[in-house]
N, C-alpha and C. Protein backbone atom coordinates (compact mmCIF):
# COMPACT_ATOMS: atom_id res chain seq x y z
N MET A 1 -0.53 4.21 26.86
CA MET A 1 -0.71 4.90 25.59
C MET A 1 -2.20 5.20 25.41
N SER A 2 -2.49 6.37 24.92
CA SER A 2 -3.88 6.80 24.75
C SER A 2 -4.55 6.06 23.59
N ASP A 3 -5.88 6.07 23.60
CA ASP A 3 -6.65 5.46 22.51
C ASP A 3 -6.31 6.11 21.18
N TYR A 4 -6.12 7.41 21.22
CA TYR A 4 -5.77 8.16 20.00
C TYR A 4 -4.46 7.64 19.41
N ARG A 5 -3.46 7.50 20.23
CA ARG A 5 -2.15 7.03 19.75
C ARG A 5 -2.24 5.60 19.24
N LEU A 6 -2.96 4.76 19.93
CA LEU A 6 -3.13 3.38 19.47
C LEU A 6 -3.84 3.33 18.13
N TYR A 7 -4.89 4.12 18.01
CA TYR A 7 -5.65 4.18 16.76
C TYR A 7 -4.77 4.69 15.63
N GLN A 8 -3.99 5.71 15.90
CA GLN A 8 -3.10 6.30 14.90
C GLN A 8 -2.05 5.27 14.46
N GLU A 9 -1.45 4.56 15.39
CA GLU A 9 -0.45 3.55 15.05
C GLU A 9 -1.06 2.41 14.24
N LYS A 10 -2.25 1.99 14.64
CA LYS A 10 -2.94 0.93 13.91
C LYS A 10 -3.25 1.38 12.48
N ALA A 11 -3.71 2.61 12.33
CA ALA A 11 -4.03 3.14 11.00
C ALA A 11 -2.78 3.20 10.13
N LYS A 12 -1.68 3.66 10.68
CA LYS A 12 -0.44 3.75 9.92
C LYS A 12 0.04 2.36 9.49
N ALA A 13 -0.03 1.41 10.39
CA ALA A 13 0.38 0.04 10.06
C ALA A 13 -0.50 -0.53 8.95
N GLN A 14 -1.80 -0.25 9.00
CA GLN A 14 -2.70 -0.75 7.97
C GLN A 14 -2.40 -0.10 6.62
N LEU A 15 -2.15 1.19 6.61
CA LEU A 15 -1.79 1.88 5.37
C LEU A 15 -0.52 1.27 4.76
N ASP A 16 0.46 1.01 5.60
CA ASP A 16 1.71 0.40 5.13
C ASP A 16 1.46 -0.98 4.54
N GLU A 17 0.59 -1.75 5.19
CA GLU A 17 0.26 -3.09 4.69
C GLU A 17 -0.44 -3.00 3.34
N TRP A 18 -1.38 -2.08 3.21
CA TRP A 18 -2.09 -1.94 1.94
C TRP A 18 -1.15 -1.47 0.84
N GLU A 19 -0.21 -0.62 1.17
CA GLU A 19 0.76 -0.16 0.17
C GLU A 19 1.60 -1.35 -0.32
N ALA A 20 1.99 -2.22 0.61
CA ALA A 20 2.75 -3.42 0.23
C ALA A 20 1.89 -4.35 -0.63
N ASP A 21 0.62 -4.48 -0.28
CA ASP A 21 -0.30 -5.30 -1.08
C ASP A 21 -0.43 -4.74 -2.49
N LEU A 22 -0.50 -3.43 -2.60
CA LEU A 22 -0.58 -2.80 -3.93
C LEU A 22 0.68 -3.09 -4.74
N ASP A 23 1.83 -3.03 -4.10
CA ASP A 23 3.08 -3.35 -4.80
C ASP A 23 3.06 -4.78 -5.33
N LYS A 24 2.53 -5.71 -4.54
CA LYS A 24 2.42 -7.11 -4.97
C LYS A 24 1.48 -7.24 -6.17
N LEU A 25 0.36 -6.54 -6.10
CA LEU A 25 -0.60 -6.58 -7.20
C LEU A 25 0.00 -5.99 -8.48
N ARG A 26 0.75 -4.91 -8.33
CA ARG A 26 1.42 -4.30 -9.49
C ARG A 26 2.39 -5.30 -10.14
N ALA A 27 3.14 -6.00 -9.31
CA ALA A 27 4.09 -7.00 -9.82
C ALA A 27 3.35 -8.14 -10.52
N GLN A 28 2.25 -8.57 -9.95
CA GLN A 28 1.46 -9.63 -10.57
C GLN A 28 0.88 -9.18 -11.90
N ALA A 29 0.44 -7.94 -11.96
CA ALA A 29 -0.17 -7.41 -13.18
C ALA A 29 0.82 -7.42 -14.34
N LYS A 30 2.08 -7.17 -14.05
CA LYS A 30 3.10 -7.15 -15.09
C LYS A 30 3.26 -8.52 -15.76
N GLN A 31 2.87 -9.57 -15.08
CA GLN A 31 3.07 -10.91 -15.60
C GLN A 31 1.81 -11.51 -16.23
N LYS A 32 0.73 -10.75 -16.24
CA LYS A 32 -0.53 -11.24 -16.78
C LYS A 32 -0.62 -11.02 -18.28
N GLU A 33 -1.48 -11.79 -18.89
CA GLU A 33 -1.79 -11.62 -20.32
C GLU A 33 -2.66 -10.37 -20.48
N ALA A 34 -2.79 -9.90 -21.69
CA ALA A 34 -3.42 -8.61 -22.00
C ALA A 34 -4.77 -8.39 -21.31
N GLY A 35 -5.73 -9.28 -21.49
CA GLY A 35 -7.06 -9.07 -20.92
C GLY A 35 -7.05 -9.03 -19.41
N ASP A 36 -6.36 -9.99 -18.80
CA ASP A 36 -6.27 -10.02 -17.34
C ASP A 36 -5.47 -8.83 -16.82
N LYS A 37 -4.46 -8.43 -17.57
CA LYS A 37 -3.61 -7.31 -17.17
C LYS A 37 -4.43 -6.03 -17.12
N ILE A 38 -5.25 -5.81 -18.11
CA ILE A 38 -6.09 -4.60 -18.15
C ILE A 38 -7.05 -4.59 -16.97
N GLU A 39 -7.66 -5.73 -16.70
CA GLU A 39 -8.59 -5.83 -15.57
C GLU A 39 -7.87 -5.54 -14.25
N MET A 40 -6.69 -6.12 -14.10
CA MET A 40 -5.92 -5.90 -12.88
C MET A 40 -5.49 -4.44 -12.74
N GLU A 41 -5.05 -3.86 -13.84
CA GLU A 41 -4.62 -2.46 -13.79
C GLU A 41 -5.77 -1.54 -13.44
N ASN A 42 -6.96 -1.85 -13.92
CA ASN A 42 -8.14 -1.06 -13.55
C ASN A 42 -8.41 -1.16 -12.05
N LYS A 43 -8.32 -2.38 -11.52
CA LYS A 43 -8.54 -2.59 -10.09
C LYS A 43 -7.45 -1.88 -9.28
N ILE A 44 -6.22 -1.93 -9.76
CA ILE A 44 -5.12 -1.27 -9.07
C ILE A 44 -5.36 0.24 -9.01
N ARG A 45 -5.80 0.83 -10.11
CA ARG A 45 -6.10 2.27 -10.12
C ARG A 45 -7.21 2.60 -9.11
N GLU A 46 -8.22 1.74 -9.05
CA GLU A 46 -9.30 1.94 -8.08
C GLU A 46 -8.75 1.88 -6.65
N LEU A 47 -7.90 0.90 -6.39
CA LEU A 47 -7.31 0.77 -5.07
C LEU A 47 -6.39 1.95 -4.74
N GLU A 48 -5.66 2.42 -5.72
CA GLU A 48 -4.78 3.58 -5.50
C GLU A 48 -5.60 4.81 -5.11
N THR A 49 -6.73 4.99 -5.77
CA THR A 49 -7.60 6.13 -5.46
C THR A 49 -8.14 6.02 -4.04
N LYS A 50 -8.61 4.83 -3.69
CA LYS A 50 -9.15 4.63 -2.35
C LYS A 50 -8.06 4.76 -1.29
N LEU A 51 -6.89 4.25 -1.60
CA LEU A 51 -5.78 4.35 -0.66
C LEU A 51 -5.36 5.81 -0.46
N ALA A 52 -5.37 6.58 -1.52
CA ALA A 52 -5.05 8.01 -1.41
C ALA A 52 -6.05 8.71 -0.49
N LYS A 53 -7.32 8.35 -0.60
CA LYS A 53 -8.34 8.93 0.28
C LYS A 53 -8.09 8.50 1.73
N GLY A 54 -7.72 7.24 1.90
CA GLY A 54 -7.41 6.75 3.24
C GLY A 54 -6.22 7.48 3.84
N LYS A 55 -5.20 7.74 3.03
CA LYS A 55 -4.04 8.48 3.51
C LYS A 55 -4.42 9.91 3.88
N ALA A 56 -5.31 10.50 3.09
CA ALA A 56 -5.77 11.86 3.39
C ALA A 56 -6.51 11.88 4.72
N GLN A 57 -7.32 10.88 4.97
CA GLN A 57 -8.04 10.82 6.24
C GLN A 57 -7.07 10.57 7.40
N TYR A 58 -6.05 9.78 7.15
CA TYR A 58 -5.03 9.56 8.18
C TYR A 58 -4.31 10.88 8.50
N ASP A 59 -4.00 11.64 7.46
CA ASP A 59 -3.36 12.94 7.66
C ASP A 59 -4.28 13.88 8.46
N GLU A 60 -5.57 13.81 8.15
CA GLU A 60 -6.54 14.63 8.88
C GLU A 60 -6.58 14.20 10.35
N LEU A 61 -6.52 12.90 10.58
CA LEU A 61 -6.50 12.38 11.94
C LEU A 61 -5.30 12.95 12.71
N LYS A 62 -4.15 12.95 12.07
CA LYS A 62 -2.95 13.48 12.73
C LYS A 62 -3.08 14.98 12.97
N THR A 63 -3.69 15.69 12.02
CA THR A 63 -3.85 17.13 12.13
C THR A 63 -4.83 17.50 13.25
N LYS A 64 -5.90 16.74 13.36
CA LYS A 64 -6.91 17.04 14.38
C LYS A 64 -6.33 16.91 15.78
N GLY A 65 -5.46 15.94 15.94
CA GLY A 65 -4.85 15.75 17.24
C GLY A 65 -5.76 15.00 18.19
N GLU A 66 -5.21 14.76 19.35
CA GLU A 66 -5.88 13.92 20.34
C GLU A 66 -7.19 14.51 20.84
N GLY A 67 -7.28 15.82 20.87
CA GLY A 67 -8.48 16.45 21.41
C GLY A 67 -9.72 16.30 20.55
N ALA A 68 -9.55 16.16 19.24
CA ALA A 68 -10.72 16.14 18.34
C ALA A 68 -10.73 14.94 17.40
N TRP A 69 -9.95 13.92 17.68
CA TRP A 69 -9.83 12.82 16.75
C TRP A 69 -11.09 12.00 16.59
N GLU A 70 -11.95 11.99 17.60
CA GLU A 70 -13.20 11.22 17.52
C GLU A 70 -14.08 11.72 16.37
N SER A 71 -13.98 13.00 16.03
CA SER A 71 -14.80 13.55 14.95
C SER A 71 -14.39 12.98 13.59
N VAL A 72 -13.17 12.53 13.47
CA VAL A 72 -12.65 11.98 12.21
C VAL A 72 -12.83 10.47 12.16
N ARG A 73 -12.89 9.87 13.31
CA ARG A 73 -12.86 8.40 13.41
C ARG A 73 -13.98 7.71 12.64
N GLU A 74 -15.19 8.19 12.73
CA GLU A 74 -16.32 7.53 12.07
C GLU A 74 -16.12 7.45 10.56
N GLY A 75 -15.76 8.57 9.95
CA GLY A 75 -15.52 8.58 8.51
C GLY A 75 -14.33 7.72 8.13
N MET A 76 -13.32 7.74 8.96
CA MET A 76 -12.13 6.94 8.71
C MET A 76 -12.44 5.45 8.81
N ASP A 77 -13.22 5.07 9.79
CA ASP A 77 -13.60 3.67 9.94
C ASP A 77 -14.38 3.18 8.72
N ALA A 78 -15.28 4.00 8.21
CA ALA A 78 -16.06 3.63 7.03
C ALA A 78 -15.15 3.48 5.81
N ALA A 79 -14.22 4.40 5.65
CA ALA A 79 -13.28 4.31 4.53
C ALA A 79 -12.39 3.09 4.66
N TRP A 80 -11.98 2.79 5.88
CA TRP A 80 -11.14 1.62 6.14
C TRP A 80 -11.89 0.33 5.77
N ASP A 81 -13.15 0.26 6.14
CA ASP A 81 -13.95 -0.92 5.81
C ASP A 81 -14.04 -1.11 4.29
N ASP A 82 -14.25 -0.02 3.58
CA ASP A 82 -14.33 -0.06 2.13
C ASP A 82 -13.00 -0.50 1.52
N LEU A 83 -11.92 0.08 2.00
CA LEU A 83 -10.59 -0.28 1.52
C LEU A 83 -10.29 -1.75 1.79
N SER A 84 -10.59 -2.18 2.98
CA SER A 84 -10.33 -3.57 3.36
C SER A 84 -11.09 -4.53 2.46
N ALA A 85 -12.34 -4.24 2.22
CA ALA A 85 -13.15 -5.10 1.34
C ALA A 85 -12.60 -5.10 -0.08
N SER A 86 -12.17 -3.95 -0.56
CA SER A 86 -11.62 -3.85 -1.92
C SER A 86 -10.33 -4.65 -2.05
N PHE A 87 -9.47 -4.57 -1.04
CA PHE A 87 -8.22 -5.32 -1.10
C PHE A 87 -8.48 -6.82 -1.00
N LYS A 88 -9.41 -7.23 -0.15
CA LYS A 88 -9.75 -8.66 -0.04
C LYS A 88 -10.27 -9.18 -1.38
N GLU A 89 -11.12 -8.39 -2.01
CA GLU A 89 -11.67 -8.79 -3.31
C GLU A 89 -10.56 -8.94 -4.34
N ALA A 90 -9.66 -7.97 -4.39
CA ALA A 90 -8.56 -8.01 -5.37
C ALA A 90 -7.64 -9.20 -5.11
N LYS A 91 -7.32 -9.44 -3.86
CA LYS A 91 -6.43 -10.56 -3.53
C LYS A 91 -7.06 -11.90 -3.92
N SER A 92 -8.35 -12.04 -3.67
CA SER A 92 -9.00 -13.31 -3.97
C SER A 92 -9.20 -13.49 -5.49
N LYS A 93 -9.36 -12.40 -6.18
CA LYS A 93 -9.61 -12.47 -7.62
C LYS A 93 -8.33 -12.67 -8.41
N PHE A 94 -7.25 -12.09 -7.95
CA PHE A 94 -6.01 -12.16 -8.70
C PHE A 94 -4.99 -12.98 -7.96
């Protein structure tokens, strides 16, 4: 399997994992008291926005195809690092 295909599969798996994490956070937020709930909902909205950007970059990766995927990789890696840090922060905080 090519590096491109491996990278694409890894990216898709990570997006799916983050989507599941968001679902868990949404469920937790429903059970929080008002102040904590508002804080969690704000963080969830932030994560949703970042995840949407990550999905857009994943779509761009698929569109570019194997011949030009390296041009997308750097930006995608940076976005992934940011998303990963944001999810780690949310998980540890809530």
